[in-house]
Amino acid sequence: MALRPTTRPSTTVFEIVTADLAKALAFYRTLGLDVPDGAEDQPHVELALPGGNRLAFDTEATIASFTADWTPPTGEGRLALAFGYGTPADVDAAHAALTSAGAPSEREPFDAFWGQRYATVHDPDGTHVDLFAALPTT
């Protein structure tokens, strides 16, 4: 019989391997995350997220340093991140700030049938980043 863990794992860290750490951190700083000054000069960066998780960034060189045959993936990633905001206006403001800073928009903000103001942009490495907030109930 195979051994199994005695506890359930918890979500702790989401990691993005980035081709350009400075651009990635600028994107997530514009999104509203607390990115410390000077983080762009590090090979690995972790940011605290509300709720106790962390978002980590590694340069491609960092990953290649301990995985000899690693090559960067091509095409869009298979990971999407979603960030919730307090109001629908915050979604619009975040989308405007990110696209003004050069982030491609996949989906302009709209009122979704499931009860959220919703939009999607891409970070500098092509990761889909969803922005959402609950719509007011009437």
Protein backbone atom coordinates (compact mmCIF):
# COMPACT_ATOMS: atom_id res chain seq x y z
CA MET A 1 0.00 0.00 0.00
CA ALA A 2 1.34 3.43 -0.96
CA LEU A 3 2.08 5.93 1.77
CA ARG A 4 -0.22 8.93 1.94
CA PRO A 5 0.22 12.22 3.75
CA THR A 6 -1.54 12.41 7.09
CA THR A 7 -2.60 16.03 6.55
CA ARG A 8 -4.16 17.90 3.67
CA PRO A 9 -1.91 20.35 1.85
CA SER A 10 -2.71 24.03 1.98
CA THR A 11 -2.33 26.57 -0.78
CA THR A 12 0.61 28.70 0.19
CA VAL A 13 2.52 30.02 -2.82
CA PHE A 14 1.68 30.70 -6.45
CA GLU A 15 4.83 31.09 -8.54
CA ILE A 16 5.39 32.82 -11.86
CA VAL A 17 8.58 32.21 -13.84
CA THR A 18 9.18 35.46 -15.64
CA ALA A 19 11.27 36.49 -18.61
CA ASP A 20 11.52 40.08 -17.31
CA LEU A 21 11.26 40.44 -13.55
CA ALA A 22 11.17 44.25 -13.61
CA LYS A 23 8.21 44.29 -16.03
CA ALA A 24 6.38 41.61 -14.07
CA LEU A 25 6.83 43.41 -10.77
CA ALA A 26 5.76 46.73 -12.32
CA PHE A 27 2.56 45.05 -13.53
CA TYR A 28 1.72 43.60 -10.11
CA ARG A 29 2.66 46.89 -8.41
CA THR A 30 0.17 48.65 -10.73
CA LEU A 31 -2.38 45.95 -9.87
CA GLY A 32 -2.07 47.12 -6.26
CA LEU A 33 0.23 44.57 -4.64
CA ASP A 34 2.94 45.73 -2.24
CA VAL A 35 6.15 45.20 -4.20
CA PRO A 36 9.17 46.40 -2.23
CA ASP A 37 11.53 48.89 -3.83
CA GLY A 38 14.61 47.15 -5.21
CA ALA A 39 12.89 43.78 -5.65
CA GLU A 40 13.66 43.97 -9.37
CA ASP A 41 17.32 43.25 -8.59
CA GLN A 42 16.61 39.89 -6.91
CA PRO A 43 16.50 36.43 -8.58
CA HIS A 44 13.49 35.40 -6.42
CA VAL A 45 10.75 37.63 -4.99
CA GLU A 46 7.78 36.74 -2.76
CA LEU A 47 4.87 39.03 -2.03
CA ALA A 48 2.35 38.55 0.74
CA LEU A 49 -1.24 38.32 -0.48
CA PRO A 50 -4.33 39.07 1.57
CA GLY A 51 -5.62 35.82 3.01
CA GLY A 52 -2.23 34.38 3.90
CA ASN A 53 -0.94 33.18 0.52
CA ARG A 54 2.14 34.45 -1.28
CA LEU A 55 2.86 35.22 -4.91
CA ALA A 56 6.43 34.33 -5.92
CA PHE A 57 8.46 35.31 -8.95
CA ASP A 58 11.58 33.60 -10.25
CA THR A 59 13.66 34.67 -13.20
CA GLU A 60 14.17 32.15 -15.98
CA ALA A 61 17.86 32.14 -15.05
CA THR A 62 17.01 31.14 -11.48
CA ILE A 63 14.97 28.13 -12.63
CA ALA A 64 17.65 27.14 -15.17
CA SER A 65 20.29 27.27 -12.41
CA PHE A 66 18.88 24.19 -10.70
CA THR A 67 17.15 22.45 -13.63
CA ALA A 68 19.82 21.72 -16.23
CA ASP A 69 17.54 20.93 -19.20
CA TRP A 70 14.82 23.50 -18.45
CA THR A 71 13.65 25.73 -21.29
CA PRO A 72 11.05 28.48 -21.02
CA PRO A 73 7.57 27.42 -22.12
CA THR A 74 6.18 28.83 -25.33
CA GLY A 75 2.71 30.22 -25.81
CA GLU A 76 0.36 31.36 -23.10
CA GLY A 77 0.51 29.78 -19.68
CA ARG A 78 -2.02 27.43 -18.19
CA LEU A 79 -2.34 29.41 -15.00
CA ALA A 80 -4.77 32.25 -14.40
CA LEU A 81 -4.80 34.49 -11.37
CA ALA A 82 -7.86 36.33 -10.08
CA PHE A 83 -7.86 39.37 -7.82
CA GLY A 84 -10.97 40.60 -6.07
CA TYR A 85 -11.72 44.26 -5.44
CA GLY A 86 -14.15 46.01 -3.11
CA THR A 87 -16.29 47.70 -5.74
CA PRO A 88 -17.07 47.49 -9.46
CA ALA A 89 -15.46 50.94 -9.88
CA ASP A 90 -12.22 49.48 -8.48
CA VAL A 91 -12.26 46.84 -11.24
CA ASP A 92 -12.65 49.56 -13.85
CA ALA A 93 -9.85 51.62 -12.26
CA ALA A 94 -7.48 48.63 -12.01
CA HIS A 95 -8.18 47.66 -15.63
CA ALA A 96 -7.58 51.25 -16.77
CA ALA A 97 -4.35 51.54 -14.78
CA LEU A 98 -2.98 48.24 -16.07
CA THR A 99 -3.88 48.81 -19.71
CA SER A 100 -2.56 52.39 -19.55
CA ALA A 101 0.72 50.89 -18.31
CA GLY A 102 0.81 48.61 -21.38
CA ALA A 103 -0.93 45.42 -20.21
CA PRO A 104 -2.94 43.79 -22.99
CA SER A 105 -6.66 43.54 -22.26
CA GLU A 106 -8.36 40.29 -23.10
CA ARG A 107 -11.73 41.32 -21.72
CA GLU A 108 -12.88 44.88 -21.02
CA PRO A 109 -14.78 45.32 -17.73
CA PHE A 110 -18.37 44.11 -17.97
CA ASP A 111 -21.24 43.17 -15.69
CA ALA A 112 -21.26 39.36 -15.75
CA PHE A 113 -24.42 37.32 -15.42
CA TRP A 114 -22.97 35.60 -12.35
CA GLY A 115 -23.11 38.84 -10.38
CA GLN A 116 -19.64 40.34 -10.74
CA ARG A 117 -17.95 43.22 -12.52
CA TYR A 118 -15.28 41.30 -14.39
CA ALA A 119 -12.28 41.99 -16.63
CA THR A 120 -9.17 40.14 -17.82
CA VAL A 121 -5.69 41.44 -18.65
CA HIS A 122 -2.39 39.69 -19.37
CA ASP A 123 0.74 40.20 -17.31
CA PRO A 124 4.09 40.64 -19.14
CA ASP A 125 4.56 36.86 -19.38
CA GLY A 126 1.08 36.19 -20.80
CA THR A 127 -0.55 35.05 -17.55
CA HIS A 128 -4.27 35.76 -17.55
CA VAL A 129 -5.14 38.03 -14.64
CA ASP A 130 -8.84 38.34 -13.84
CA LEU A 131 -10.16 41.36 -11.94
CA PHE A 132 -13.54 41.12 -10.24
CA ALA A 133 -15.91 42.63 -7.69
CA ALA A 134 -19.42 41.78 -6.59
CA LEU A 135 -22.13 43.80 -8.26
CA PRO A 136 -24.53 45.64 -5.98
CA THR A 137 -27.70 43.69 -5.26
CA THR A 138 -30.99 45.47 -5.78
